[in-house]
Amino acid sequence: MLRIGLLTSGGDCQALNATMRGVVKGLSANVDELEVYGFMNGYKGLIYGDYRLLTSRDFSGILTKGGTILGSSRQPFKLMREPDENGLDKVKAMKDNYRKLKLDCLVILGGNGTQKTANLLSEEGLNIIHLPKTIDNDIWGTDMTFGFYSAVNIATEAIDCIHTTAASHNRVFIVEIMGHKVGWLTLYAGIAGGADIILIPEIPYKINSVIEAINHRTEEGKGFTVIAVAEGAISAEDAKLSKKQLAKKIEARKNPSVAFDLADQILKKTGTEVRVTIPGHTQRGGSPCPYDRVLSTRLGVAAAELIMKGEYGCMVAIVNNKTKKVPLKDCAGKLKTIQPDDQFVHEAKMMGISFGD
């Protein structure tokens, strides 16, 4: 009898169900006896013993279903070693529940914070496999994360829709895309949607450079400008502040986000009308795109193969379009960011796209 556990942690995305389906179908087709336990609402379920035995019916018809059938929650890694409000040792509780069910492996689907806790559990002696999920595509060691391309599709559609109304008005339109620390989603969607200016966290922008790009389009007779801005985009001025100073400045911000700050500055400096659109959590929602359905299935099957081989303590990555085993100790806690001299950025600039630098 092979017993595995599944949990989804952190923010949801479109291909979580498809990935779990890949794991279970990959095992079911090759293992005589299989029990699958789903822990509810992420690490909370593992900590407090909230789980249920899953059957083949649970994995039928979920390839195209967004969200997660197990539910999710955010459990900050930095608090994992701290007892809960009732004094419960969370790490010990997770280990006890794993052993209570006599699991052979726990498959964990999640992003960077989730991965760090997965590595912690691996170091504590549990058999762990991590599958890289995030719409940010910022997990080190894998070329692509499932959920990313689905979010790119939605963010791109938002920019596409703005273009049709932008063509009718002489205004500046700002579309704020998800991404606090990295700008992969904004970069891809900005290029795909034909944005004129792309602002991302890794390349601090100068407001005068942004204004210059807007004025240049006006001089060329183009009556509108579309700006794709990551929610974590930062000005060159703010980039010089310490973390504490920046946090204090953000806390004192009158506007709800960087997009509105930018809109105020553009209005004051140019007198041009500015409109802000925020797709928000729609970028996490809906059905996974075909690319993500294929990617998540491949990652799930690769995880099934590792389980059957008894190879644990790793993340299943996709590198050069091939699945690859990456030790958790080598990737946990690392962030895959965009380099200012990245070829992707260079190519975008060659197209005339401004990054405000």
Protein backbone atom coordinates (compact mmCIF):
# COMPACT_ATOMS: atom_id res chain seq x y z
CA MET A 1 0.00 0.00 0.00
CA LEU A 2 1.35 3.41 -1.01
CA ARG A 3 0.09 6.33 1.05
CA ILE A 4 0.63 9.92 -0.03
CA GLY A 5 -0.56 13.28 1.22
CA LEU A 6 -1.41 16.38 -0.81
CA LEU A 7 -1.68 20.00 0.22
CA THR A 8 -1.90 23.35 -1.55
CA SER A 9 -0.52 26.38 0.26
CA GLY A 10 -0.29 30.13 -0.30
CA GLY A 11 -2.18 32.04 -2.96
CA ASP A 12 -4.34 30.00 -5.29
CA CYS A 13 -3.90 29.80 -9.05
CA GLN A 14 -5.55 28.16 -12.03
CA ALA A 15 -3.70 24.84 -12.34
CA LEU A 16 -3.49 23.49 -8.79
CA ASN A 17 -6.22 20.91 -9.38
CA ALA A 18 -4.73 19.87 -12.72
CA THR A 19 -1.36 19.26 -11.03
CA MET A 20 -2.81 17.14 -8.22
CA ARG A 21 -4.71 15.19 -10.85
CA GLY A 22 -1.44 14.53 -12.67
CA VAL A 23 0.18 13.16 -9.50
CA VAL A 24 -2.72 10.87 -8.62
CA LYS A 25 -3.39 9.61 -12.13
CA GLY A 26 0.32 8.96 -12.63
CA LEU A 27 0.39 6.84 -9.49
CA SER A 28 -2.99 5.14 -9.98
CA ALA A 29 -1.96 3.83 -13.38
CA ASN A 30 1.22 2.27 -12.01
CA VAL A 31 0.58 1.32 -8.37
CA ASP A 32 -1.68 -1.55 -7.28
CA GLU A 33 -2.84 -0.02 -3.98
CA LEU A 34 -2.93 3.70 -3.32
CA GLU A 35 -4.36 5.90 -0.58
CA VAL A 36 -4.40 9.67 -1.02
CA TYR A 37 -5.02 12.04 1.88
CA GLY A 38 -5.81 15.68 1.21
CA PHE A 39 -4.92 18.21 3.91
CA MET A 40 -7.42 21.04 3.98
CA ASN A 41 -6.46 24.71 3.72
CA GLY A 42 -2.73 24.30 3.28
CA TYR A 43 -0.36 23.78 6.18
CA LYS A 44 -3.24 24.47 8.58
CA GLY A 45 -4.68 21.07 7.72
CA LEU A 46 -1.33 19.39 8.33
CA ILE A 47 -0.84 21.22 11.62
CA TYR A 48 -4.31 20.60 13.04
CA GLY A 49 -5.06 17.24 11.48
CA ASP A 50 -7.77 18.46 9.13
CA TYR A 51 -7.68 15.97 6.28
CA ARG A 52 -9.82 13.55 4.32
CA LEU A 53 -9.26 10.40 2.32
CA LEU A 54 -9.64 11.21 -1.36
CA THR A 55 -10.99 8.87 -4.02
CA SER A 56 -10.69 8.73 -7.80
CA ARG A 57 -13.95 10.70 -8.00
CA ASP A 58 -12.24 13.69 -6.41
CA PHE A 59 -9.81 13.86 -9.31
CA SER A 60 -12.34 13.40 -12.09
CA GLY A 61 -13.30 16.50 -14.06
CA ILE A 62 -10.85 18.86 -12.34
CA LEU A 63 -8.33 19.34 -15.17
CA THR A 64 -10.08 22.56 -16.19
CA LYS A 65 -11.19 23.67 -12.73
CA GLY A 66 -9.45 26.69 -11.24
CA GLY A 67 -8.68 27.22 -7.56
CA THR A 68 -8.03 24.20 -5.36
CA ILE A 69 -10.37 21.45 -4.17
CA LEU A 70 -8.36 21.30 -0.93
CA GLY A 71 -8.51 24.99 -0.09
CA SER A 72 -5.45 27.06 0.77
CA SER A 73 -4.08 29.47 3.35
CA ARG A 74 -0.99 31.52 3.99
CA GLN A 75 1.22 30.32 6.84
CA PRO A 76 4.32 32.56 7.05
CA PHE A 77 7.52 30.53 7.12
CA LYS A 78 9.08 32.83 9.72
CA LEU A 79 6.33 31.84 12.19
CA MET A 80 6.54 28.07 11.65
CA ARG A 81 8.96 27.56 14.53
CA GLU A 82 6.84 29.68 16.86
CA PRO A 83 4.05 27.99 18.91
CA ASP A 84 0.46 28.93 18.04
CA GLU A 85 -1.80 30.88 20.42
CA ASN A 86 -2.42 27.69 22.40
CA GLY A 87 1.23 26.77 22.68
CA LEU A 88 1.13 24.09 19.98
CA ASP A 89 4.48 23.20 18.40
CA LYS A 90 3.50 23.49 14.73
CA VAL A 91 6.47 21.61 13.31
CA LYS A 92 6.00 18.71 15.72
CA ALA A 93 2.26 18.65 14.97
CA MET A 94 2.92 18.41 11.23
CA LYS A 95 5.37 15.57 11.74
CA ASP A 96 2.96 13.76 14.07
CA ASN A 97 0.06 13.97 11.61
CA TYR A 98 2.28 12.77 8.77
CA ARG A 99 3.33 9.73 10.81
CA LYS A 100 -0.15 9.11 12.18
CA LEU A 101 -1.34 8.48 8.62
CA LYS A 102 1.79 6.42 7.85
CA LEU A 103 2.46 8.50 4.76
CA ASP A 104 5.17 7.47 2.34
CA CYS A 105 5.35 10.97 0.89
CA LEU A 106 3.80 14.41 1.16
CA VAL A 107 3.40 16.35 -2.09
CA ILE A 108 3.28 20.09 -1.50
CA LEU A 109 2.08 22.57 -4.11
CA GLY A 110 3.00 26.19 -3.57
CA GLY A 111 5.29 29.17 -4.10
CA ASN A 112 8.39 30.49 -2.36
CA GLY A 113 7.11 30.62 1.23
CA THR A 114 5.50 27.22 0.84
CA GLN A 115 8.75 25.84 -0.54
CA LYS A 116 10.75 27.04 2.48
CA THR A 117 8.44 25.17 4.83
CA ALA A 118 8.60 22.12 2.54
CA ASN A 119 12.39 22.20 2.87
CA LEU A 120 12.07 22.53 6.65
CA LEU A 121 9.91 19.40 6.78
CA SER A 122 12.36 17.58 4.54
CA GLU A 123 15.20 18.51 6.90
CA GLU A 124 13.03 17.18 9.75
CA GLY A 125 13.03 13.76 8.10
CA LEU A 126 9.76 13.69 6.15
CA ASN A 127 9.59 12.50 2.55
CA ILE A 128 8.69 15.66 0.64
CA ILE A 129 8.18 16.60 -3.00
CA HIS A 130 7.43 20.21 -3.94
CA LEU A 131 5.64 21.32 -7.10
CA PRO A 132 6.26 24.96 -8.17
CA LYS A 133 3.09 27.03 -8.23
CA THR A 134 2.84 30.78 -8.62
CA ILE A 135 1.49 33.33 -11.06
CA ASP A 136 4.71 35.29 -10.44
CA ASN A 137 7.06 32.70 -12.05
CA ASP A 138 9.68 33.67 -9.46
CA ILE A 139 10.76 30.26 -8.13
CA TRP A 140 14.46 29.67 -8.57
CA GLY A 141 15.51 26.51 -10.38
CA THR A 142 12.59 26.17 -12.80
CA ASP A 143 12.02 27.91 -16.11
CA MET A 144 8.29 28.04 -15.56
CA THR A 145 5.74 27.69 -12.77
CA PHE A 146 2.21 26.46 -13.33
CA GLY A 147 -0.36 29.23 -13.08
CA PHE A 148 1.92 31.80 -14.70
CA TYR A 149 0.76 31.57 -18.29
CA SER A 150 -2.90 31.50 -17.27
CA ALA A 151 -2.35 34.75 -15.38
CA VAL A 152 -0.45 36.20 -18.35
CA ASN A 153 -3.49 35.48 -20.54
CA ILE A 154 -5.82 37.35 -18.19
CA ALA A 155 -3.48 40.31 -17.65
CA THR A 156 -2.89 40.55 -21.40
CA GLU A 157 -6.61 40.54 -22.08
CA ALA A 158 -7.01 43.42 -19.62
CA ILE A 159 -4.39 45.43 -21.52
CA ASP A 160 -6.03 44.47 -24.83
CA CYS A 161 -9.37 45.78 -23.59
CA ILE A 162 -7.76 49.03 -22.44
CA HIS A 163 -6.27 49.49 -25.91
CA THR A 164 -9.70 49.61 -27.54
CA THR A 165 -10.91 52.40 -25.28
CA ALA A 166 -7.49 54.10 -25.31
CA ALA A 167 -7.70 54.47 -29.07
CA SER A 168 -10.85 56.55 -28.58
CA HIS A 169 -9.42 59.02 -26.02
CA ASN A 170 -6.32 61.15 -25.63
CA ARG A 171 -5.44 59.79 -22.21
CA VAL A 172 -2.84 57.82 -20.34
CA PHE A 173 -4.06 54.42 -19.21
CA ILE A 174 -2.34 52.50 -16.41
CA VAL A 175 -2.96 48.78 -15.90
CA GLU A 176 -1.64 47.51 -12.55
CA ILE A 177 -0.51 43.88 -12.73
CA MET A 178 0.17 41.55 -9.80
CA GLY A 179 3.77 41.10 -8.68
CA HIS A 180 5.19 42.58 -5.48
CA LYS A 181 8.82 41.52 -5.78
CA VAL A 182 9.29 40.44 -9.40
CA GLY A 183 7.97 41.63 -12.74
CA TRP A 184 7.74 38.52 -14.91
CA LEU A 185 3.95 38.72 -15.17
CA THR A 186 3.99 42.43 -16.01
CA LEU A 187 6.83 41.97 -18.51
CA TYR A 188 5.13 39.15 -20.41
CA ALA A 189 1.66 40.73 -20.34
CA GLY A 190 3.06 44.17 -21.18
CA ILE A 191 4.82 42.88 -24.28
CA ALA A 192 1.91 40.64 -25.31
CA GLY A 193 -0.57 43.48 -24.82
CA GLY A 194 1.50 46.09 -26.65
CA ALA A 195 2.08 48.33 -23.64
CA ASP A 196 4.14 51.45 -24.38
CA ILE A 197 5.74 51.61 -20.93
CA ILE A 198 6.47 48.70 -18.59
CA LEU A 199 7.43 49.34 -14.95
CA ILE A 200 8.70 46.44 -12.84
CA PRO A 201 10.26 46.10 -9.35
CA GLU A 202 13.69 45.09 -10.66
CA ILE A 203 14.16 48.28 -12.71
CA PRO A 204 13.41 51.38 -10.57
CA TYR A 205 11.75 54.03 -12.70
CA LYS A 206 12.38 57.77 -12.94
CA ILE A 207 9.19 59.75 -13.25
CA ASN A 208 10.85 62.17 -15.70
CA SER A 209 11.75 59.25 -17.97
CA VAL A 210 8.13 58.08 -17.87
CA ILE A 211 6.94 61.59 -18.74
CA GLU A 212 9.51 61.78 -21.54
CA ALA A 213 8.17 58.53 -23.04
CA ILE A 214 4.59 59.86 -22.87
CA ASN A 215 5.58 63.18 -24.46
CA HIS A 216 7.50 61.39 -27.21
CA ARG A 217 4.36 59.49 -28.19
CA THR A 218 2.36 62.72 -28.18
CA GLU A 219 4.91 64.40 -30.43
CA GLU A 220 4.61 61.47 -32.84
CA GLY A 221 0.89 62.08 -33.05
CA LYS A 222 -0.12 59.14 -30.88
CA GLY A 223 -2.93 60.33 -28.68
CA PHE A 224 -2.69 57.78 -25.91
CA THR A 225 -0.19 55.81 -23.82
CA VAL A 226 -0.70 52.45 -22.14
CA ILE A 227 1.43 51.72 -19.08
CA ALA A 228 1.72 48.23 -17.57
CA VAL A 229 2.93 48.60 -13.99
CA ALA A 230 3.69 45.85 -11.49
CA GLU A 231 2.12 46.41 -8.08
CA GLY A 232 5.65 46.29 -6.61
CA ALA A 233 7.16 48.78 -9.07
CA ILE A 234 9.34 51.33 -7.32
CA SER A 235 10.75 54.72 -8.22
CA ALA A 236 14.49 55.28 -8.35
CA GLU A 237 14.05 57.72 -5.48
CA ASP A 238 12.30 55.17 -3.25
CA ALA A 239 14.77 52.44 -4.21
CA LYS A 240 17.45 54.36 -2.30
CA LEU A 241 15.47 54.14 0.96
CA SER A 242 16.08 51.50 3.60
CA LYS A 243 13.45 48.78 4.04
CA LYS A 244 12.19 50.50 7.19
CA GLN A 245 12.01 53.92 5.51
CA LEU A 246 10.22 52.49 2.48
CA ALA A 247 7.71 50.61 4.64
CA LYS A 248 6.99 53.81 6.56
CA LYS A 249 6.48 55.76 3.32
CA ILE A 250 4.13 53.10 1.91
CA GLU A 251 2.16 53.08 5.16
CA ALA A 252 1.70 56.84 4.88
CA ARG A 253 0.65 56.61 1.23
CA LYS A 254 -2.63 58.38 0.54
CA ASN A 255 -3.33 56.39 -2.61
CA PRO A 256 -4.23 52.69 -2.56
CA SER A 257 -1.30 51.62 -4.76
CA VAL A 258 1.67 52.64 -6.90
CA ALA A 259 -0.56 52.95 -9.99
CA PHE A 260 -2.52 55.80 -8.42
CA ASP A 261 0.66 57.50 -7.19
CA LEU A 262 1.96 57.35 -10.74
CA ALA A 263 -1.33 58.67 -12.11
CA ASP A 264 -1.18 61.70 -9.78
CA GLN A 265 2.39 62.49 -10.80
CA ILE A 266 1.63 62.21 -14.53
CA LEU A 267 -1.44 64.45 -14.19
CA LYS A 268 0.53 67.12 -12.31
CA LYS A 269 3.44 67.10 -14.75
CA THR A 270 1.54 66.85 -18.05
CA GLY A 271 -2.05 67.86 -17.38
CA THR A 272 -3.09 64.73 -19.26
CA GLU A 273 -6.06 62.71 -18.04
CA VAL A 274 -5.03 59.38 -16.51
CA ARG A 275 -7.16 56.30 -15.87
CA VAL A 276 -6.16 53.32 -13.72
CA THR A 277 -7.37 49.75 -14.17
CA ILE A 278 -6.57 46.96 -11.70
CA PRO A 279 -7.46 43.39 -12.81
CA GLY A 280 -6.53 42.23 -9.30
CA HIS A 281 -7.45 38.69 -8.28
CA THR A 282 -9.05 37.95 -11.64
CA GLN A 283 -5.45 37.11 -12.62
CA ARG A 284 -5.60 34.11 -10.28
CA GLY A 285 -9.04 32.98 -11.34
CA GLY A 286 -10.80 31.02 -14.02
CA SER A 287 -9.73 27.87 -15.85
CA PRO A 288 -6.07 27.07 -16.53
CA CYS A 289 -4.96 27.80 -20.08
CA PRO A 290 -3.95 24.84 -22.30
CA TYR A 291 -0.24 25.46 -21.68
CA ASP A 292 -0.73 25.24 -17.91
CA ARG A 293 -2.86 22.11 -18.23
CA VAL A 294 -0.02 20.39 -20.08
CA LEU A 295 2.71 21.76 -17.80
CA SER A 296 0.90 20.83 -14.59
CA THR A 297 0.15 17.34 -15.88
CA ARG A 298 3.81 16.81 -16.76
CA LEU A 299 4.99 18.06 -13.37
CA GLY A 300 2.43 15.87 -11.60
CA VAL A 301 3.47 12.76 -13.51
CA ALA A 302 7.15 13.52 -12.87
CA ALA A 303 6.35 13.73 -9.15
CA ALA A 304 4.59 10.35 -9.37
CA GLU A 305 7.72 8.83 -10.92
CA LEU A 306 9.92 10.20 -8.14
CA ILE A 307 7.56 8.78 -5.51
CA MET A 308 7.70 5.34 -7.11
CA LYS A 309 11.50 5.56 -7.15
CA GLY A 310 11.61 6.74 -3.54
CA GLU A 311 13.41 9.97 -4.44
CA TYR A 312 12.41 12.79 -2.10
CA GLY A 313 13.56 16.14 -0.75
CA CYS A 314 13.22 17.85 -4.10
CA MET A 315 11.22 20.17 -6.32
CA VAL A 316 10.06 19.05 -9.74
CA ALA A 317 11.16 21.74 -12.19
CA ILE A 318 10.83 22.32 -15.91
CA VAL A 319 14.18 23.21 -17.54
CA ASN A 320 14.65 23.46 -21.30
CA ASN A 321 11.19 21.92 -21.67
CA LYS A 322 12.18 18.81 -19.71
CA THR A 323 11.17 17.88 -16.16
CA LYS A 324 14.05 17.90 -13.73
CA LYS A 325 14.60 17.03 -10.07
CA VAL A 326 16.06 19.95 -8.08
CA PRO A 327 17.09 19.43 -4.41
CA LEU A 328 15.00 21.59 -2.10
CA LYS A 329 18.09 22.68 -0.20
CA ASP A 330 19.44 24.21 -3.43
CA CYS A 331 16.37 26.29 -4.32
CA ALA A 332 14.42 27.05 -1.12
CA GLY A 333 14.56 30.72 -0.20
CA LYS A 334 15.89 31.86 -3.57
CA LEU A 335 14.00 34.26 -5.82
CA LYS A 336 14.17 34.25 -9.61
CA THR A 337 14.19 37.91 -10.61
CA ILE A 338 14.54 39.80 -13.88
CA GLN A 339 17.99 41.23 -14.48
CA PRO A 340 18.04 44.76 -15.96
CA ASP A 341 20.32 43.51 -18.74
CA ASP A 342 18.16 40.44 -19.43
CA GLN A 343 17.78 39.64 -23.13
CA PHE A 344 14.02 39.86 -22.71
CA VAL A 345 14.31 43.46 -21.47
CA HIS A 346 16.76 44.33 -24.25
CA GLU A 347 14.38 42.99 -26.89
CA ALA A 348 11.48 44.96 -25.41
CA LYS A 349 13.54 48.15 -25.49
CA MET A 350 14.48 47.44 -29.11
CA MET A 351 10.72 47.54 -29.79
CA GLY A 352 10.58 51.04 -28.33
CA ILE A 353 9.10 50.04 -24.97
CA SER A 354 10.23 52.29 -22.12
CA PHE A 355 11.06 50.90 -18.66
CA GLY A 356 11.31 54.36 -17.14
CA ASP A 357 15.02 53.96 -16.42
